[in-house]
Amino acid sequence: MDNYISQYKEGYFSPLAMMARLTEETGELAREVNHYYGEKPKKASEKENTIEEELGDIIFVIACFANSLEIDLSESFDMAMSKIETRDKDRWTRKY
């Protein structure tokens, strides 16, 4: 990510701009999910995007956001999983 972004003078966007971008991309994902699984079919004039594309866009923005703030996403994910595994360990019915 840093190699890609460092090619450009502008560098990373500000945290506020990236939050806005993440919100925008999340809205686009919601729209695609609604088209595929909801009650709102696509118009014939609408571009054919996929949920896979929108998830990729979200991952890109999150990676940029984290890198710009010098946050290690692997550590963030590990912390989240630890919290979920502790907090929710008895919340769901296990298959085994």
PDB file of N, CA and C in Angstrom:
ATOM      1  N   MET A   1       0.825  -1.177   0.000  1.00  0.00           N
ATOM      2  CA  MET A   1       0.000   0.000   0.000  1.00  0.00           C
ATOM      3  C   MET A   1       0.876   1.250   0.000  1.00  0.00           C
ATOM      4  N   ASP A   2       1.846   1.295   0.921  1.00  0.00           N
ATOM      5  CA  ASP A   2       2.716   2.470   0.986  1.00  0.00           C
ATOM      6  C   ASP A   2       3.472   2.683  -0.319  1.00  0.00           C
ATOM      7  N   ASN A   3       3.916   1.592  -0.942  1.00  0.00           N
ATOM      8  CA  ASN A   3       4.627   1.724  -2.221  1.00  0.00           C
ATOM      9  C   ASN A   3       3.736   2.370  -3.271  1.00  0.00           C
ATOM     10  N   TYR A   4       2.486   1.977  -3.299  1.00  0.00           N
ATOM     11  CA  TYR A   4       1.553   2.547  -4.272  1.00  0.00           C
ATOM     12  C   TYR A   4       1.288   4.019  -3.969  1.00  0.00           C
ATOM     13  N   ILE A   5       0.931   4.332  -2.755  1.00  0.00           N
ATOM     14  CA  ILE A   5       0.552   5.697  -2.376  1.00  0.00           C
ATOM     15  C   ILE A   5       1.751   6.648  -2.475  1.00  0.00           C
ATOM     16  N   SER A   6       2.935   6.159  -2.153  1.00  0.00           N
ATOM     17  CA  SER A   6       4.118   7.038  -2.149  1.00  0.00           C
ATOM     18  C   SER A   6       4.522   7.503  -3.551  1.00  0.00           C
ATOM     19  N   GLN A   7       3.921   6.966  -4.578  1.00  0.00           N
ATOM     20  CA  GLN A   7       4.189   7.432  -5.951  1.00  0.00           C
ATOM     21  C   GLN A   7       3.614   8.816  -6.208  1.00  0.00           C
ATOM     22  N   TYR A   8       2.696   9.246  -5.366  1.00  0.00           N
ATOM     23  CA  TYR A   8       1.941  10.464  -5.611  1.00  0.00           C
ATOM     24  C   TYR A   8       2.247  11.522  -4.552  1.00  0.00           C
ATOM     25  N   LYS A   9       2.391  12.756  -4.990  1.00  0.00           N
ATOM     26  CA  LYS A   9       2.686  13.871  -4.089  1.00  0.00           C
ATOM     27  C   LYS A   9       1.634  14.006  -2.995  1.00  0.00           C
ATOM     28  N   GLU A  10       0.390  13.767  -3.354  1.00  0.00           N
ATOM     29  CA  GLU A  10      -0.709  13.969  -2.401  1.00  0.00           C
ATOM     30  C   GLU A  10      -0.632  13.023  -1.210  1.00  0.00           C
ATOM     31  N   GLY A  11      -0.085  11.838  -1.407  1.00  0.00           N
ATOM     32  CA  GLY A  11      -0.002  10.850  -0.331  1.00  0.00           C
ATOM     33  C   GLY A  11      -1.381  10.406   0.123  1.00  0.00           C
ATOM     34  N   TYR A  12      -1.457   9.999   1.360  1.00  0.00           N
ATOM     35  CA  TYR A  12      -2.733   9.553   1.913  1.00  0.00           C
ATOM     36  C   TYR A  12      -3.657  10.745   2.128  1.00  0.00           C
ATOM     37  N   PHE A  13      -4.947  10.511   1.979  1.00  0.00           N
ATOM     38  CA  PHE A  13      -5.932  11.532   2.310  1.00  0.00           C
ATOM     39  C   PHE A  13      -5.972  11.691   3.836  1.00  0.00           C
ATOM     40  N   SER A  14      -6.597  12.744   4.288  1.00  0.00           N
ATOM     41  CA  SER A  14      -6.743  12.967   5.729  1.00  0.00           C
ATOM     42  C   SER A  14      -7.665  11.896   6.315  1.00  0.00           C
ATOM     43  N   PRO A  15      -7.561  11.645   7.623  1.00  0.00           N
ATOM     44  CA  PRO A  15      -8.458  10.665   8.247  1.00  0.00           C
ATOM     45  C   PRO A  15      -9.938  10.983   8.009  1.00  0.00           C
ATOM     46  N   LEU A  16     -10.309  12.242   8.060  1.00  0.00           N
ATOM     47  CA  LEU A  16     -11.705  12.607   7.834  1.00  0.00           C
ATOM     48  C   LEU A  16     -12.136  12.294   6.401  1.00  0.00           C
ATOM     49  N   ALA A  17     -11.275  12.585   5.447  1.00  0.00           N
ATOM     50  CA  ALA A  17     -11.595  12.268   4.045  1.00  0.00           C
ATOM     51  C   ALA A  17     -11.708  10.760   3.841  1.00  0.00           C
ATOM     52  N   MET A  18     -10.841  10.003   4.503  1.00  0.00           N
ATOM     53  CA  MET A  18     -10.922   8.543   4.356  1.00  0.00           C
ATOM     54  C   MET A  18     -12.164   7.979   5.032  1.00  0.00           C
ATOM     55  N   MET A  19     -12.570   8.585   6.126  1.00  0.00           N
ATOM     56  CA  MET A  19     -13.811   8.147   6.776  1.00  0.00           C
ATOM     57  C   MET A  19     -14.991   8.394   5.845  1.00  0.00           C
ATOM     58  N   ALA A  20     -14.987   9.528   5.170  1.00  0.00           N
ATOM     59  CA  ALA A  20     -16.050   9.822   4.207  1.00  0.00           C
ATOM     60  C   ALA A  20     -16.016   8.815   3.064  1.00  0.00           C
ATOM     61  N   ARG A  21     -14.817   8.485   2.596  1.00  0.00           N
ATOM     62  CA  ARG A  21     -14.679   7.522   1.505  1.00  0.00           C
ATOM     63  C   ARG A  21     -15.155   6.137   1.939  1.00  0.00           C
ATOM     64  N   LEU A  22     -14.815   5.758   3.167  1.00  0.00           N
ATOM     65  CA  LEU A  22     -15.257   4.458   3.683  1.00  0.00           C
ATOM     66  C   LEU A  22     -16.779   4.406   3.774  1.00  0.00           C
ATOM     67  N   THR A  23     -17.369   5.491   4.208  1.00  0.00           N
ATOM     68  CA  THR A  23     -18.829   5.576   4.291  1.00  0.00           C
ATOM     69  C   THR A  23     -19.448   5.451   2.901  1.00  0.00           C
ATOM     70  N   GLU A  24     -18.850   6.126   1.938  1.00  0.00           N
ATOM     71  CA  GLU A  24     -19.331   6.057   0.556  1.00  0.00           C
ATOM     72  C   GLU A  24     -19.256   4.626   0.022  1.00  0.00           C
ATOM     73  N   GLU A  25     -18.113   3.984   0.232  1.00  0.00           N
ATOM     74  CA  GLU A  25     -17.937   2.615  -0.263  1.00  0.00           C
ATOM     75  C   GLU A  25     -18.884   1.642   0.442  1.00  0.00           C
ATOM     76  N   THR A  26     -19.126   1.864   1.726  1.00  0.00           N
ATOM     77  CA  THR A  26     -20.062   1.017   2.463  1.00  0.00           C
ATOM     78  C   THR A  26     -21.472   1.175   1.898  1.00  0.00           C
ATOM     79  N   GLY A  27     -21.828   2.392   1.531  1.00  0.00           N
ATOM     80  CA  GLY A  27     -23.125   2.630   0.894  1.00  0.00           C
ATOM     81  C   GLY A  27     -23.240   1.904  -0.434  1.00  0.00           C
ATOM     82  N   GLU A  28     -22.141   1.890  -1.196  1.00  0.00           N
ATOM     83  CA  GLU A  28     -22.154   1.182  -2.478  1.00  0.00           C
ATOM     84  C   GLU A  28     -22.298  -0.324  -2.261  1.00  0.00           C
ATOM     85  N   LEU A  29     -21.664  -0.845  -1.212  1.00  0.00           N
ATOM     86  CA  LEU A  29     -21.825  -2.268  -0.887  1.00  0.00           C
ATOM     87  C   LEU A  29     -23.274  -2.550  -0.504  1.00  0.00           C
ATOM     88  N   ALA A  30     -23.854  -1.681   0.308  1.00  0.00           N
ATOM     89  CA  ALA A  30     -25.249  -1.868   0.719  1.00  0.00           C
ATOM     90  C   ALA A  30     -26.172  -1.883  -0.496  1.00  0.00           C
ATOM     91  N   ARG A  31     -25.897  -1.013  -1.433  1.00  0.00           N
ATOM     92  CA  ARG A  31     -26.710  -0.952  -2.649  1.00  0.00           C
ATOM     93  C   ARG A  31     -26.630  -2.269  -3.437  1.00  0.00           C
ATOM     94  N   GLU A  32     -25.423  -2.803  -3.566  1.00  0.00           N
ATOM     95  CA  GLU A  32     -25.254  -4.066  -4.292  1.00  0.00           C
ATOM     96  C   GLU A  32     -25.944  -5.217  -3.567  1.00  0.00           C
ATOM     97  N   VAL A  33     -25.808  -5.267  -2.242  1.00  0.00           N
ATOM     98  CA  VAL A  33     -26.473  -6.324  -1.473  1.00  0.00           C
ATOM     99  C   VAL A  33     -27.986  -6.219  -1.656  1.00  0.00           C
ATOM    100  N   ASN A  34     -28.492  -4.999  -1.653  1.00  0.00           N
ATOM    101  CA  ASN A  34     -29.925  -4.789  -1.853  1.00  0.00           C
ATOM    102  C   ASN A  34     -30.357  -5.254  -3.247  1.00  0.00           C
ATOM    103  N   HIS A  35     -29.519  -5.012  -4.245  1.00  0.00           N
ATOM    104  CA  HIS A  35     -29.863  -5.450  -5.607  1.00  0.00           C
ATOM    105  C   HIS A  35     -29.890  -6.973  -5.722  1.00  0.00           C
ATOM    106  N   TYR A  36     -28.925  -7.627  -5.079  1.00  0.00           N
ATOM    107  CA  TYR A  36     -28.836  -9.082  -5.200  1.00  0.00           C
ATOM    108  C   TYR A  36     -29.783  -9.825  -4.265  1.00  0.00           C
ATOM    109  N   TYR A  37     -29.992  -9.301  -3.068  1.00  0.00           N
ATOM    110  CA  TYR A  37     -30.744 -10.031  -2.057  1.00  0.00           C
ATOM    111  C   TYR A  37     -31.981  -9.306  -1.553  1.00  0.00           C
ATOM    112  N   GLY A  38     -32.137  -8.081  -1.940  1.00  0.00           N
ATOM    113  CA  GLY A  38     -33.263  -7.295  -1.452  1.00  0.00           C
ATOM    114  C   GLY A  38     -34.362  -7.169  -2.483  1.00  0.00           C
ATOM    115  N   GLU A  39     -35.189  -6.203  -2.241  1.00  0.00           N
ATOM    116  CA  GLU A  39     -36.371  -5.999  -3.079  1.00  0.00           C
ATOM    117  C   GLU A  39     -36.161  -4.953  -4.164  1.00  0.00           C
ATOM    118  N   LYS A  40     -34.961  -4.414  -4.290  1.00  0.00           N
ATOM    119  CA  LYS A  40     -34.737  -3.331  -5.237  1.00  0.00           C
ATOM    120  C   LYS A  40     -33.861  -3.803  -6.400  1.00  0.00           C
ATOM    121  N   PRO A  41     -34.472  -4.178  -7.507  1.00  0.00           N
ATOM    122  CA  PRO A  41     -33.670  -4.619  -8.655  1.00  0.00           C
ATOM    123  C   PRO A  41     -32.923  -3.446  -9.283  1.00  0.00           C
ATOM    124  N   LYS A  42     -31.840  -3.768  -9.959  1.00  0.00           N
ATOM    125  CA  LYS A  42     -31.071  -2.739 -10.672  1.00  0.00           C
ATOM    126  C   LYS A  42     -31.869  -2.200 -11.838  1.00  0.00           C
ATOM    127  N   LYS A  43     -31.643  -0.916 -12.110  1.00  0.00           N
ATOM    128  CA  LYS A  43     -32.192  -0.321 -13.327  1.00  0.00           C
ATOM    129  C   LYS A  43     -31.330  -0.773 -14.497  1.00  0.00           C
ATOM    130  N   ALA A  44     -31.894  -0.821 -15.657  1.00  0.00           N
ATOM    131  CA  ALA A  44     -31.142  -1.233 -16.845  1.00  0.00           C
ATOM    132  C   ALA A  44     -29.960  -0.300 -17.101  1.00  0.00           C
ATOM    133  N   SER A  45     -30.072   0.952 -16.696  1.00  0.00           N
ATOM    134  CA  SER A  45     -29.017   1.934 -16.945  1.00  0.00           C
ATOM    135  C   SER A  45     -27.889   1.896 -15.904  1.00  0.00           C
ATOM    136  N   GLU A  46     -28.061   1.117 -14.828  1.00  0.00           N
ATOM    137  CA  GLU A  46     -27.054   1.085 -13.765  1.00  0.00           C
ATOM    138  C   GLU A  46     -25.889   0.177 -14.129  1.00  0.00           C
ATOM    139  N   LYS A  47     -24.677   0.636 -13.749  1.00  0.00           N
ATOM    140  CA  LYS A  47     -23.454  -0.134 -13.980  1.00  0.00           C
ATOM    141  C   LYS A  47     -23.513  -1.439 -13.202  1.00  0.00           C
ATOM    142  N   GLU A  48     -23.010  -2.482 -13.787  1.00  0.00           N
ATOM    143  CA  GLU A  48     -23.008  -3.793 -13.147  1.00  0.00           C
ATOM    144  C   GLU A  48     -21.790  -3.914 -12.235  1.00  0.00           C
ATOM    145  N   ASN A  49     -21.969  -3.657 -10.962  1.00  0.00           N
ATOM    146  CA  ASN A  49     -20.927  -3.862  -9.950  1.00  0.00           C
ATOM    147  C   ASN A  49     -21.236  -5.153  -9.232  1.00  0.00           C
ATOM    148  N   THR A  50     -20.267  -5.647  -8.516  1.00  0.00           N
ATOM    149  CA  THR A  50     -20.507  -6.855  -7.743  1.00  0.00           C
ATOM    150  C   THR A  50     -20.179  -6.599  -6.278  1.00  0.00           C
ATOM    151  N   ILE A  51     -20.714  -7.442  -5.436  1.00  0.00           N
ATOM    152  CA  ILE A  51     -20.409  -7.370  -4.018  1.00  0.00           C
ATOM    153  C   ILE A  51     -18.909  -7.555  -3.819  1.00  0.00           C
ATOM    154  N   GLU A  52     -18.327  -8.450  -4.588  1.00  0.00           N
ATOM    155  CA  GLU A  52     -16.879  -8.697  -4.505  1.00  0.00           C
ATOM    156  C   GLU A  52     -16.077  -7.420  -4.781  1.00  0.00           C
ATOM    157  N   GLU A  53     -16.459  -6.675  -5.803  1.00  0.00           N
ATOM    158  CA  GLU A  53     -15.777  -5.415  -6.114  1.00  0.00           C
ATOM    159  C   GLU A  53     -15.904  -4.415  -4.973  1.00  0.00           C
ATOM    160  N   GLU A  54     -17.092  -4.298  -4.441  1.00  0.00           N
ATOM    161  CA  GLU A  54     -17.328  -3.318  -3.379  1.00  0.00           C
ATOM    162  C   GLU A  54     -16.575  -3.692  -2.103  1.00  0.00           C
ATOM    163  N   LEU A  55     -16.512  -4.977  -1.785  1.00  0.00           N
ATOM    164  CA  LEU A  55     -15.721  -5.405  -0.631  1.00  0.00           C
ATOM    165  C   LEU A  55     -14.240  -5.084  -0.844  1.00  0.00           C
ATOM    166  N   GLY A  56     -13.754  -5.270  -2.068  1.00  0.00           N
ATOM    167  CA  GLY A  56     -12.369  -4.918  -2.390  1.00  0.00           C
ATOM    168  C   GLY A  56     -12.105  -3.436  -2.196  1.00  0.00           C
ATOM    169  N   ASP A  57     -13.054  -2.605  -2.614  1.00  0.00           N
ATOM    170  CA  ASP A  57     -12.912  -1.157  -2.415  1.00  0.00           C
ATOM    171  C   ASP A  57     -12.833  -0.807  -0.937  1.00  0.00           C
ATOM    172  N   ILE A  58     -13.653  -1.470  -0.134  1.00  0.00           N
ATOM    173  CA  ILE A  58     -13.653  -1.212   1.309  1.00  0.00           C
ATOM    174  C   ILE A  58     -12.324  -1.635   1.928  1.00  0.00           C
ATOM    175  N   ILE A  59     -11.808  -2.785   1.529  1.00  0.00           N
ATOM    176  CA  ILE A  59     -10.513  -3.243   2.044  1.00  0.00           C
ATOM    177  C   ILE A  59      -9.414  -2.255   1.677  1.00  0.00           C
ATOM    178  N   PHE A  60      -9.440  -1.737   0.460  1.00  0.00           N
ATOM    179  CA  PHE A  60      -8.442  -0.757   0.025  1.00  0.00           C
ATOM    180  C   PHE A  60      -8.484   0.490   0.907  1.00  0.00           C
ATOM    181  N   VAL A  61      -9.675   1.017   1.136  1.00  0.00           N
ATOM    182  CA  VAL A  61      -9.808   2.231   1.941  1.00  0.00           C
ATOM    183  C   VAL A  61      -9.368   1.971   3.381  1.00  0.00           C
ATOM    184  N   ILE A  62      -9.752   0.838   3.937  1.00  0.00           N
ATOM    185  CA  ILE A  62      -9.352   0.507   5.303  1.00  0.00           C
ATOM    186  C   ILE A  62      -7.832   0.385   5.410  1.00  0.00           C
ATOM    187  N   ALA A  63      -7.208  -0.238   4.425  1.00  0.00           N
ATOM    188  CA  ALA A  63      -5.747  -0.369   4.439  1.00  0.00           C
ATOM    189  C   ALA A  63      -5.076   1.001   4.352  1.00  0.00           C
ATOM    190  N   CYS A  64      -5.582   1.865   3.497  1.00  0.00           N
ATOM    191  CA  CYS A  64      -5.040   3.225   3.407  1.00  0.00           C
ATOM    192  C   CYS A  64      -5.213   3.961   4.728  1.00  0.00           C
ATOM    193  N   PHE A  65      -6.395   3.853   5.304  1.00  0.00           N
ATOM    194  CA  PHE A  65      -6.714   4.518   6.565  1.00  0.00           C
ATOM    195  C   PHE A  65      -5.728   4.066   7.653  1.00  0.00           C
ATOM    196  N   ALA A  66      -5.581   2.760   7.792  1.00  0.00           N
ATOM    197  CA  ALA A  66      -4.691   2.214   8.815  1.00  0.00           C
ATOM    198  C   ALA A  66      -3.243   2.646   8.575  1.00  0.00           C
ATOM    199  N   ASN A  67      -2.778   2.518   7.358  1.00  0.00           N
ATOM    200  CA  ASN A  67      -1.391   2.891   7.054  1.00  0.00           C
ATOM    201  C   ASN A  67      -1.134   4.365   7.324  1.00  0.00           C
ATOM    202  N   SER A  68      -2.085   5.199   6.977  1.00  0.00           N
ATOM    203  CA  SER A  68      -1.882   6.633   7.173  1.00  0.00           C
ATOM    204  C   SER A  68      -1.752   6.988   8.651  1.00  0.00           C
ATOM    205  N   LEU A  69      -2.348   6.175   9.510  1.00  0.00           N
ATOM    206  CA  LEU A  69      -2.283   6.405  10.952  1.00  0.00           C
ATOM    207  C   LEU A  69      -1.254   5.491  11.631  1.00  0.00           C
ATOM    208  N   GLU A  70      -0.482   4.768  10.794  1.00  0.00           N
ATOM    209  CA  GLU A  70       0.550   3.839  11.268  1.00  0.00           C
ATOM    210  C   GLU A  70      -0.022   2.787  12.217  1.00  0.00           C
ATOM    211  N   ILE A  71      -1.167   2.252  11.819  1.00  0.00           N
ATOM    212  CA  ILE A  71      -1.830   1.186  12.573  1.00  0.00           C
ATOM    213  C   ILE A  71      -1.608  -0.124  11.823  1.00  0.00           C
ATOM    214  N   ASP A  72      -1.167  -1.153  12.533  1.00  0.00           N
ATOM    215  CA  ASP A  72      -0.946  -2.469  11.947  1.00  0.00           C
ATOM    216  C   ASP A  72      -2.290  -3.194  11.910  1.00  0.00           C
ATOM    217  N   LEU A  73      -2.811  -3.419  10.723  1.00  0.00           N
ATOM    218  CA  LEU A  73      -4.118  -4.058  10.591  1.00  0.00           C
ATOM    219  C   LEU A  73      -4.122  -5.493  11.121  1.00  0.00           C
ATOM    220  N   SER A  74      -3.009  -6.186  11.010  1.00  0.00           N
ATOM    221  CA  SER A  74      -2.946  -7.547  11.557  1.00  0.00           C
ATOM    222  C   SER A  74      -3.158  -7.520  13.064  1.00  0.00           C
ATOM    223  N   GLU A  75      -2.500  -6.574  13.723  1.00  0.00           N
ATOM    224  CA  GLU A  75      -2.687  -6.445  15.174  1.00  0.00           C
ATOM    225  C   GLU A  75      -4.118  -6.036  15.505  1.00  0.00           C
ATOM    226  N   SER A  76      -4.673  -5.109  14.731  1.00  0.00           N
ATOM    227  CA  SER A  76      -6.057  -4.681  14.958  1.00  0.00           C
ATOM    228  C   SER A  76      -7.014  -5.858  14.826  1.00  0.00           C
ATOM    229  N   PHE A  77      -6.804  -6.660  13.789  1.00  0.00           N
ATOM    230  CA  PHE A  77      -7.672  -7.815  13.567  1.00  0.00           C
ATOM    231  C   PHE A  77      -7.525  -8.829  14.693  1.00  0.00           C
ATOM    232  N   ASP A  78      -6.274  -9.082  15.115  1.00  0.00           N
ATOM    233  CA  ASP A  78      -6.049 -10.025  16.218  1.00  0.00           C
ATOM    234  C   ASP A  78      -6.737  -9.551  17.497  1.00  0.00           C
ATOM    235  N   MET A  79      -6.657  -8.251  17.776  1.00  0.00           N
ATOM    236  CA  MET A  79      -7.334  -7.705  18.963  1.00  0.00           C
ATOM    237  C   MET A  79      -8.846  -7.886  18.859  1.00  0.00           C
ATOM    238  N   ALA A  80      -9.387  -7.648  17.672  1.00  0.00           N
ATOM    239  CA  ALA A  80     -10.832  -7.805  17.471  1.00  0.00           C
ATOM    240  C   ALA A  80     -11.251  -9.263  17.658  1.00  0.00           C
ATOM    241  N   MET A  81     -10.482 -10.191  17.099  1.00  0.00           N
ATOM    242  CA  MET A  81     -10.814 -11.611  17.232  1.00  0.00           C
ATOM    243  C   MET A  81     -10.728 -12.058  18.686  1.00  0.00           C
ATOM    244  N   SER A  82      -9.717 -11.586  19.392  1.00  0.00           N
ATOM    245  CA  SER A  82      -9.582 -11.934  20.805  1.00  0.00           C
ATOM    246  C   SER A  82     -10.786 -11.430  21.600  1.00  0.00           C
ATOM    247  N   LYS A  83     -11.181 -10.210  21.327  1.00  0.00           N
ATOM    248  CA  LYS A  83     -12.342  -9.627  22.015  1.00  0.00           C
ATOM    249  C   LYS A  83     -13.602 -10.423  21.703  1.00  0.00           C
ATOM    250  N   ILE A  84     -13.799 -10.755  20.437  1.00  0.00           N
ATOM    251  CA  ILE A  84     -14.997 -11.491  20.022  1.00  0.00           C
ATOM    252  C   ILE A  84     -15.004 -12.895  20.610  1.00  0.00           C
ATOM    253  N   GLU A  85     -13.847 -13.562  20.578  1.00  0.00           N
ATOM    254  CA  GLU A  85     -13.768 -14.925  21.106  1.00  0.00           C
ATOM    255  C   GLU A  85     -13.993 -14.962  22.618  1.00  0.00           C
ATOM    256  N   THR A  86     -13.636 -13.904  23.315  1.00  0.00           N
ATOM    257  CA  THR A  86     -13.858 -13.835  24.758  1.00  0.00           C
ATOM    258  C   THR A  86     -15.291 -13.438  25.071  1.00  0.00           C
ATOM    259  N   ARG A  87     -15.717 -12.330  24.476  1.00  0.00           N
ATOM    260  CA  ARG A  87     -17.042 -11.788  24.774  1.00  0.00           C
ATOM    261  C   ARG A  87     -18.157 -12.719  24.305  1.00  0.00           C
ATOM    262  N   ASP A  88     -17.974 -13.323  23.155  1.00  0.00           N
ATOM    263  CA  ASP A  88     -19.053 -14.104  22.541  1.00  0.00           C
ATOM    264  C   ASP A  88     -18.844 -15.614  22.626  1.00  0.00           C
ATOM    265  N   LYS A  89     -17.955 -16.072  23.499  1.00  0.00           N
ATOM    266  CA  LYS A  89     -17.623 -17.504  23.509  1.00  0.00           C
ATOM    267  C   LYS A  89     -18.825 -18.408  23.784  1.00  0.00           C
ATOM    268  N   ASP A  90     -19.804 -17.909  24.525  1.00  0.00           N
ATOM    269  CA  ASP A  90     -20.985 -18.721  24.835  1.00  0.00           C
ATOM    270  C   ASP A  90     -22.256 -18.167  24.207  1.00  0.00           C
ATOM    271  N   ARG A  91     -22.097 -17.270  23.288  1.00  0.00           N
ATOM    272  CA  ARG A  91     -23.262 -16.590  22.713  1.00  0.00           C
ATOM    273  C   ARG A  91     -23.983 -17.423  21.655  1.00  0.00           C
ATOM    274  N   TRP A  92     -23.245 -18.207  20.916  1.00  0.00           N
ATOM    275  CA  TRP A  92     -23.807 -18.937  19.780  1.00  0.00           C
ATOM    276  C   TRP A  92     -23.793 -20.425  20.048  1.00  0.00           C
ATOM    277  N   THR A  93     -24.661 -21.150  19.355  1.00  0.00           N
ATOM    278  CA  THR A  93     -24.733 -22.609  19.500  1.00  0.00           C
ATOM    279  C   THR A  93     -23.653 -23.244  18.640  1.00  0.00           C
ATOM    280  N   ARG A  94     -22.753 -23.965  19.281  1.00  0.00           N
ATOM    281  CA  ARG A  94     -21.663 -24.630  18.551  1.00  0.00           C
ATOM    282  C   ARG A  94     -22.199 -25.820  17.766  1.00  0.00           C
ATOM    283  N   LYS A  95     -21.549 -26.110  16.651  1.00  0.00           N
ATOM    284  CA  LYS A  95     -21.952 -27.221  15.802  1.00  0.00           C
ATOM    285  C   LYS A  95     -21.493 -28.566  16.369  1.00  0.00           C
ATOM    286  N   TYR A  96     -20.514 -28.569  17.229  1.00  0.00           N
ATOM    287  CA  TYR A  96     -19.999 -29.839  17.760  1.00  0.00           C
ATOM    288  C   TYR A  96     -20.310 -30.019  19.216  1.00  0.00           C
TER     289      TYR A  96
END
